[in-house]
Protein backbone atom coordinates (compact mmCIF):
# COMPACT_ATOMS: atom_id res chain seq x y z
CA MET A 1 -11.70 -32.97 -0.43
CA ALA A 2 -15.36 -32.20 -1.15
CA PHE A 3 -16.73 -29.18 0.67
CA ARG A 4 -20.11 -27.62 1.20
CA GLY A 5 -21.02 -25.79 4.38
CA THR A 6 -18.62 -25.88 7.31
CA ALA A 7 -15.02 -27.05 6.97
CA ASP A 8 -13.84 -29.81 9.26
CA GLU A 9 -10.52 -29.87 11.15
CA ILE A 10 -8.64 -31.60 8.33
CA GLN A 11 -9.94 -29.18 5.72
CA LEU A 12 -9.07 -26.17 7.88
CA ALA A 13 -5.58 -27.54 8.49
CA THR A 14 -5.12 -28.04 4.75
CA LEU A 15 -6.30 -24.53 3.95
CA THR A 16 -4.07 -23.06 6.66
CA ARG A 17 -1.07 -24.96 5.30
CA ILE A 18 -1.79 -23.76 1.75
CA LEU A 19 -2.06 -20.16 2.96
CA ASP A 20 1.06 -20.38 5.14
CA ASP A 21 3.13 -21.95 2.35
CA TYR A 22 1.86 -19.50 -0.24
CA CYS A 23 2.56 -16.47 1.93
CA GLU A 24 6.02 -17.74 2.88
CA GLN A 25 6.94 -18.34 -0.76
CA SER A 26 5.57 -14.92 -1.72
CA GLY A 27 7.30 -13.05 1.11
CA ILE A 28 4.00 -12.02 2.72
CA GLU A 29 4.47 -11.71 6.47
CA GLY A 30 1.84 -12.70 9.02
CA SER A 31 0.66 -9.17 9.76
CA HIS A 32 0.55 -7.96 6.15
CA PRO A 33 -2.95 -6.99 4.93
CA ALA A 34 -2.44 -9.14 1.82
CA ARG A 35 -2.42 -12.26 4.00
CA GLU A 36 -5.88 -11.52 5.36
CA HIS A 37 -7.12 -10.68 1.86
CA LEU A 38 -5.74 -13.96 0.49
CA ALA A 39 -7.23 -15.90 3.39
CA ARG A 40 -10.69 -14.51 2.69
CA ARG A 41 -10.35 -15.31 -1.00
CA LEU A 42 -9.03 -18.81 -0.25
CA ILE A 43 -12.13 -19.55 1.84
CA ALA A 44 -14.36 -18.17 -0.92
CA LEU A 45 -12.63 -20.35 -3.51
CA PHE A 46 -12.91 -23.41 -1.31
CA SER A 47 -16.55 -22.69 -0.48
CA GLY A 48 -17.23 -22.35 -4.19
CA GLY A 49 -15.98 -25.86 -4.83
CA ILE A 50 -12.31 -25.33 -5.72
CA ASP A 51 -10.76 -27.97 -3.51
CA ASN A 52 -7.59 -29.04 -5.30
CA PRO A 53 -4.53 -27.46 -3.61
CA GLY A 54 -2.87 -26.84 -6.98
CA ASP A 55 -5.96 -25.11 -8.33
CA ILE A 56 -6.21 -23.02 -5.17
CA ARG A 57 -2.58 -21.95 -5.49
CA MET A 58 -3.08 -20.94 -9.14
CA ALA A 59 -6.11 -18.87 -8.14
CA LEU A 60 -4.10 -17.26 -5.32
CA ASP A 61 -1.41 -16.33 -7.87
CA SER A 62 -4.01 -14.42 -9.85
CA ILE A 63 -5.45 -12.80 -6.72
CA ALA A 64 -2.00 -11.85 -5.40
CA LYS A 65 -1.10 -10.31 -8.75
CA ASP A 66 -4.23 -8.14 -8.53
CA TRP A 67 -3.36 -7.23 -4.93
CA ARG A 68 0.16 -6.15 -5.85
CA GLY A 69 -1.24 -4.05 -8.69
CA ALA A 70 -3.64 -2.19 -6.40
CA SER A 71 -2.74 1.09 -4.79
CA PRO A 72 -2.13 1.01 -1.01
CA ALA A 73 -5.60 2.46 -0.37
CA GLN A 74 -7.27 -0.46 -2.16
CA PRO A 75 -7.21 -3.98 -0.62
C-alpha cells in the first residue's frame, strides 16, 4: 500500500477501518476528541510512509498512551 500525495478510495477505506477498529477496541466513542486526534495522527503516519496496518496500530498505541496521559486541557 504505497502512498505519496492523495489517498485513493481503497487507501481511505483501509485507514477508516483501522481507525474504527482501533477506537472500538480502545473504547473511544465516535464523538470523543481522542478519535479526531488519532485520525490526524494516522493520516500523518500514513503520509510519512508507514503503510503497514500492524505498524500503524503500534504507532496508535503509543499515541493513545500519550493522549491518555495528557490533562483534559491538552489534546
